[in-house]
Amino acid sequence: MLHRLGWRSSRITAEESLKERESLLEGLRRRSIDAVVSIKVLDEGIDVPVCRRAYLLASQSSDRQGIQRRGRVLRKAEGKDGADLYDFLVTGGATQSKSMQNLARKEMRRAWSFSNDAANVEPVRLELRSIAERTGVDVEKLDEKL
């Protein structure tokens, strides 16, 4: 999809060697590529300090994993004073089954925790409260679990 939109992107999977991964990240640093797409490979052990924007499209199974993912992008780099991270949430579906409600609670808890460290915590919290209200998630209980 990124290629169709004119982005120069590469993927990092378990199939690429460490040397290939380093080369791809160097391409990102040099700006010969615009984006790196990964599934789980960037969870641990690879830093991407040159990255200034990340889209997290999948929930993680632990707080530690979430911290690892954010840390990949939040590393300091020359000429970098911050990074924008976008965490996509799944809060509803075709049904309001018990499993969907549990998923919404889990997603909201992750986003609420994530917002604690955000430079724009107030507007993020306003939006999260709005989402919580629409999905029936009790924000006060999110704080209790942290």
C-alpha atoms as a PDB file:
ATOM      1  CA  MET A   1       0.000   0.000   0.000  1.00  0.00           C
ATOM      2  CA  LEU A   2       2.821   2.420   0.828  1.00  0.00           C
ATOM      3  CA  HIS A   3       4.433   1.730  -2.548  1.00  0.00           C
ATOM      4  CA  ARG A   4       1.144   2.529  -4.297  1.00  0.00           C
ATOM      5  CA  LEU A   5       1.090   5.866  -2.432  1.00  0.00           C
ATOM      6  CA  GLY A   6       4.570   6.697  -3.726  1.00  0.00           C
ATOM      7  CA  TRP A   7       6.494   5.960  -0.531  1.00  0.00           C
ATOM      8  CA  ARG A   8       9.911   4.359  -0.737  1.00  0.00           C
ATOM      9  CA  SER A   9       9.510   1.682   1.917  1.00  0.00           C
ATOM     10  CA  SER A  10      11.164  -1.529   2.990  1.00  0.00           C
ATOM     11  CA  ARG A  11      10.142  -4.287   5.297  1.00  0.00           C
ATOM     12  CA  ILE A  12      12.126  -5.878   8.052  1.00  0.00           C
ATOM     13  CA  THR A  13      11.202  -9.463   8.794  1.00  0.00           C
ATOM     14  CA  ALA A  14      12.836 -12.417  10.471  1.00  0.00           C
ATOM     15  CA  GLU A  15      14.131 -13.437   7.023  1.00  0.00           C
ATOM     16  CA  GLU A  16      16.574 -10.516   6.676  1.00  0.00           C
ATOM     17  CA  SER A  17      20.031 -10.931   8.167  1.00  0.00           C
ATOM     18  CA  LEU A  18      21.325  -8.489  10.754  1.00  0.00           C
ATOM     19  CA  LYS A  19      23.522  -6.943   8.045  1.00  0.00           C
ATOM     20  CA  GLU A  20      20.498  -6.484   5.743  1.00  0.00           C
ATOM     21  CA  ARG A  21      18.494  -4.922   8.586  1.00  0.00           C
ATOM     22  CA  GLU A  22      21.315  -2.512   9.361  1.00  0.00           C
ATOM     23  CA  SER A  23      21.480  -1.565   5.681  1.00  0.00           C
ATOM     24  CA  LEU A  24      17.737  -0.880   5.595  1.00  0.00           C
ATOM     25  CA  LEU A  25      17.959   1.296   8.707  1.00  0.00           C
ATOM     26  CA  GLU A  26      20.899   3.146   7.161  1.00  0.00           C
ATOM     27  CA  GLY A  27      18.667   3.816   4.134  1.00  0.00           C
ATOM     28  CA  LEU A  28      16.112   5.315   6.487  1.00  0.00           C
ATOM     29  CA  ARG A  29      18.807   7.482   8.087  1.00  0.00           C
ATOM     30  CA  ARG A  30      20.061   8.661   4.679  1.00  0.00           C
ATOM     31  CA  ARG A  31      16.430   9.161   3.624  1.00  0.00           C
ATOM     32  CA  SER A  32      16.814   6.944   0.583  1.00  0.00           C
ATOM     33  CA  ILE A  33      13.728   5.188   1.966  1.00  0.00           C
ATOM     34  CA  ASP A  34      10.760   6.837   3.677  1.00  0.00           C
ATOM     35  CA  ALA A  35       9.503   4.027   5.885  1.00  0.00           C
ATOM     36  CA  VAL A  36      10.324   0.691   7.443  1.00  0.00           C
ATOM     37  CA  VAL A  37       7.483  -1.756   8.048  1.00  0.00           C
ATOM     38  CA  SER A  38       7.886  -4.537  10.564  1.00  0.00           C
ATOM     39  CA  ILE A  39       5.935  -7.177  12.425  1.00  0.00           C
ATOM     40  CA  LYS A  40       7.456  -8.030  15.815  1.00  0.00           C
ATOM     41  CA  VAL A  41      11.056  -7.893  14.558  1.00  0.00           C
ATOM     42  CA  LEU A  42      11.460  -4.374  15.951  1.00  0.00           C
ATOM     43  CA  ASP A  43      10.055  -5.341  19.365  1.00  0.00           C
ATOM     44  CA  GLU A  44      13.479  -5.983  20.867  1.00  0.00           C
ATOM     45  CA  GLY A  45      17.100  -5.374  20.042  1.00  0.00           C
ATOM     46  CA  ILE A  46      16.865  -2.900  17.167  1.00  0.00           C
ATOM     47  CA  ASP A  47      16.838   0.846  17.733  1.00  0.00           C
ATOM     48  CA  VAL A  48      15.605   3.295  15.108  1.00  0.00           C
ATOM     49  CA  PRO A  49      16.751   6.648  16.509  1.00  0.00           C
ATOM     50  CA  VAL A  50      16.516   8.448  13.144  1.00  0.00           C
ATOM     51  CA  CYS A  51      12.797   7.706  13.001  1.00  0.00           C
ATOM     52  CA  ARG A  52      10.654  10.716  13.806  1.00  0.00           C
ATOM     53  CA  ARG A  53       7.207   9.160  13.323  1.00  0.00           C
ATOM     54  CA  ALA A  54       5.855   5.708  14.113  1.00  0.00           C
ATOM     55  CA  TYR A  55       2.467   4.099  13.645  1.00  0.00           C
ATOM     56  CA  LEU A  56       1.763   1.268  16.061  1.00  0.00           C
ATOM     57  CA  LEU A  57      -0.902  -0.838  14.383  1.00  0.00           C
ATOM     58  CA  ALA A  58      -1.051  -3.840  16.687  1.00  0.00           C
ATOM     59  CA  SER A  59      -1.574  -4.210  20.376  1.00  0.00           C
ATOM     60  CA  GLN A  60       1.121  -5.809  22.435  1.00  0.00           C
ATOM     61  CA  SER A  61       0.788  -8.592  24.950  1.00  0.00           C
ATOM     62  CA  SER A  62       2.662  -6.857  27.768  1.00  0.00           C
ATOM     63  CA  ASP A  63       3.518  -3.417  29.118  1.00  0.00           C
ATOM     64  CA  ARG A  64       7.194  -4.267  28.649  1.00  0.00           C
ATOM     65  CA  GLN A  65       6.642  -4.944  24.965  1.00  0.00           C
ATOM     66  CA  GLY A  66       4.855  -1.606  24.566  1.00  0.00           C
ATOM     67  CA  ILE A  67       7.723   0.226  26.256  1.00  0.00           C
ATOM     68  CA  GLN A  68      10.177  -1.562  23.955  1.00  0.00           C
ATOM     69  CA  ARG A  69       8.214  -0.539  20.848  1.00  0.00           C
ATOM     70  CA  ARG A  70       8.003   3.110  21.876  1.00  0.00           C
ATOM     71  CA  GLY A  71      11.656   3.128  22.867  1.00  0.00           C
ATOM     72  CA  ARG A  72      12.718   2.131  19.345  1.00  0.00           C
ATOM     73  CA  VAL A  73      11.587   5.533  18.096  1.00  0.00           C
ATOM     74  CA  LEU A  74      12.146   7.685  21.167  1.00  0.00           C
ATOM     75  CA  ARG A  75      15.920   7.194  21.166  1.00  0.00           C
ATOM     76  CA  LYS A  76      17.908  10.408  20.852  1.00  0.00           C
ATOM     77  CA  ALA A  77      19.579  11.236  17.561  1.00  0.00           C
ATOM     78  CA  GLU A  78      21.507  14.181  16.184  1.00  0.00           C
ATOM     79  CA  GLY A  79      19.104  16.909  15.097  1.00  0.00           C
ATOM     80  CA  LYS A  80      16.105  15.133  16.629  1.00  0.00           C
ATOM     81  CA  ASP A  81      14.211  16.825  19.425  1.00  0.00           C
ATOM     82  CA  GLY A  82      11.218  14.505  19.583  1.00  0.00           C
ATOM     83  CA  ALA A  83       9.106  11.936  17.799  1.00  0.00           C
ATOM     84  CA  ASP A  84       5.434  11.477  16.965  1.00  0.00           C
ATOM     85  CA  LEU A  85       3.933   8.115  17.862  1.00  0.00           C
ATOM     86  CA  TYR A  86       0.446   7.099  16.774  1.00  0.00           C
ATOM     87  CA  ASP A  87      -1.085   4.146  18.582  1.00  0.00           C
ATOM     88  CA  PHE A  88      -4.133   2.739  16.798  1.00  0.00           C
ATOM     89  CA  LEU A  89      -6.843   1.257  19.029  1.00  0.00           C
ATOM     90  CA  VAL A  90      -9.435  -1.436  18.395  1.00  0.00           C
ATOM     91  CA  THR A  91     -12.435  -0.519  20.516  1.00  0.00           C
ATOM     92  CA  GLY A  92     -15.455  -1.868  18.679  1.00  0.00           C
ATOM     93  CA  GLY A  93     -16.659  -4.270  16.114  1.00  0.00           C
ATOM     94  CA  ALA A  94     -19.745  -5.630  14.444  1.00  0.00           C
ATOM     95  CA  THR A  95     -20.845  -7.041  17.789  1.00  0.00           C
ATOM     96  CA  GLN A  96     -20.518  -5.936  21.367  1.00  0.00           C
ATOM     97  CA  SER A  97     -19.556  -9.389  22.553  1.00  0.00           C
ATOM     98  CA  LYS A  98     -17.839  -9.952  25.876  1.00  0.00           C
ATOM     99  CA  SER A  99     -14.537 -10.606  24.076  1.00  0.00           C
ATOM    100  CA  MET A 100     -14.835  -7.306  22.145  1.00  0.00           C
ATOM    101  CA  GLN A 101     -15.551  -5.432  25.381  1.00  0.00           C
ATOM    102  CA  ASN A 102     -12.501  -7.051  26.990  1.00  0.00           C
ATOM    103  CA  LEU A 103     -10.372  -6.089  23.982  1.00  0.00           C
ATOM    104  CA  ALA A 104     -11.641  -2.489  24.157  1.00  0.00           C
ATOM    105  CA  ARG A 105     -10.727  -2.321  27.859  1.00  0.00           C
ATOM    106  CA  LYS A 106      -7.265  -3.734  27.168  1.00  0.00           C
ATOM    107  CA  GLU A 107      -6.674  -1.313  24.288  1.00  0.00           C
ATOM    108  CA  MET A 108      -7.858   1.665  26.355  1.00  0.00           C
ATOM    109  CA  ARG A 109      -5.649   0.644  29.280  1.00  0.00           C
ATOM    110  CA  ARG A 110      -2.618   0.520  26.963  1.00  0.00           C
ATOM    111  CA  ALA A 111      -3.439   3.902  25.417  1.00  0.00           C
ATOM    112  CA  TRP A 112      -4.090   5.470  28.827  1.00  0.00           C
ATOM    113  CA  SER A 113      -0.762   4.185  30.114  1.00  0.00           C
ATOM    114  CA  PHE A 114       0.975   5.348  26.927  1.00  0.00           C
ATOM    115  CA  SER A 115      -0.500   8.832  27.381  1.00  0.00           C
ATOM    116  CA  ASN A 116       1.211   9.205  30.781  1.00  0.00           C
ATOM    117  CA  ASP A 117       4.478   9.892  28.971  1.00  0.00           C
ATOM    118  CA  ALA A 118       3.086  11.934  26.079  1.00  0.00           C
ATOM    119  CA  ALA A 119       4.124  15.557  25.624  1.00  0.00           C
ATOM    120  CA  ASN A 120       0.514  16.243  24.605  1.00  0.00           C
ATOM    121  CA  VAL A 121      -1.078  14.328  27.498  1.00  0.00           C
ATOM    122  CA  GLU A 122      -4.056  16.684  27.987  1.00  0.00           C
ATOM    123  CA  PRO A 123      -5.529  16.563  24.440  1.00  0.00           C
ATOM    124  CA  VAL A 124      -4.791  12.838  24.247  1.00  0.00           C
ATOM    125  CA  ARG A 125      -6.595  12.233  27.540  1.00  0.00           C
ATOM    126  CA  LEU A 126      -9.608  14.255  26.331  1.00  0.00           C
ATOM    127  CA  GLU A 127      -9.835  12.079  23.228  1.00  0.00           C
ATOM    128  CA  LEU A 128      -9.385   8.884  25.241  1.00  0.00           C
ATOM    129  CA  ARG A 129     -12.161   9.929  27.635  1.00  0.00           C
ATOM    130  CA  SER A 130     -14.435  10.478  24.639  1.00  0.00           C
ATOM    131  CA  ILE A 131     -13.580   7.044  23.218  1.00  0.00           C
ATOM    132  CA  ALA A 132     -14.056   5.447  26.641  1.00  0.00           C
ATOM    133  CA  GLU A 133     -17.494   7.003  26.961  1.00  0.00           C
ATOM    134  CA  ARG A 134     -18.554   5.730  23.522  1.00  0.00           C
ATOM    135  CA  THR A 135     -17.270   2.223  24.242  1.00  0.00           C
ATOM    136  CA  GLY A 136     -18.459   1.932  27.836  1.00  0.00           C
ATOM    137  CA  VAL A 137     -14.973   1.714  29.346  1.00  0.00           C
ATOM    138  CA  ASP A 138     -14.620   3.219  32.838  1.00  0.00           C
ATOM    139  CA  VAL A 139     -11.607   5.554  32.742  1.00  0.00           C
ATOM    140  CA  GLU A 140     -11.336   5.580  36.549  1.00  0.00           C
ATOM    141  CA  LYS A 141     -10.698   1.836  36.505  1.00  0.00           C
ATOM    142  CA  LEU A 142      -7.935   2.307  33.943  1.00  0.00           C
ATOM    143  CA  ASP A 143      -6.036   4.434  36.466  1.00  0.00           C
ATOM    144  CA  GLU A 144      -6.564   1.830  39.200  1.00  0.00           C
ATOM    145  CA  LYS A 145      -4.900  -0.894  37.127  1.00  0.00           C
ATOM    146  CA  LEU A 146      -1.723   1.097  36.436  1.00  0.00           C
END
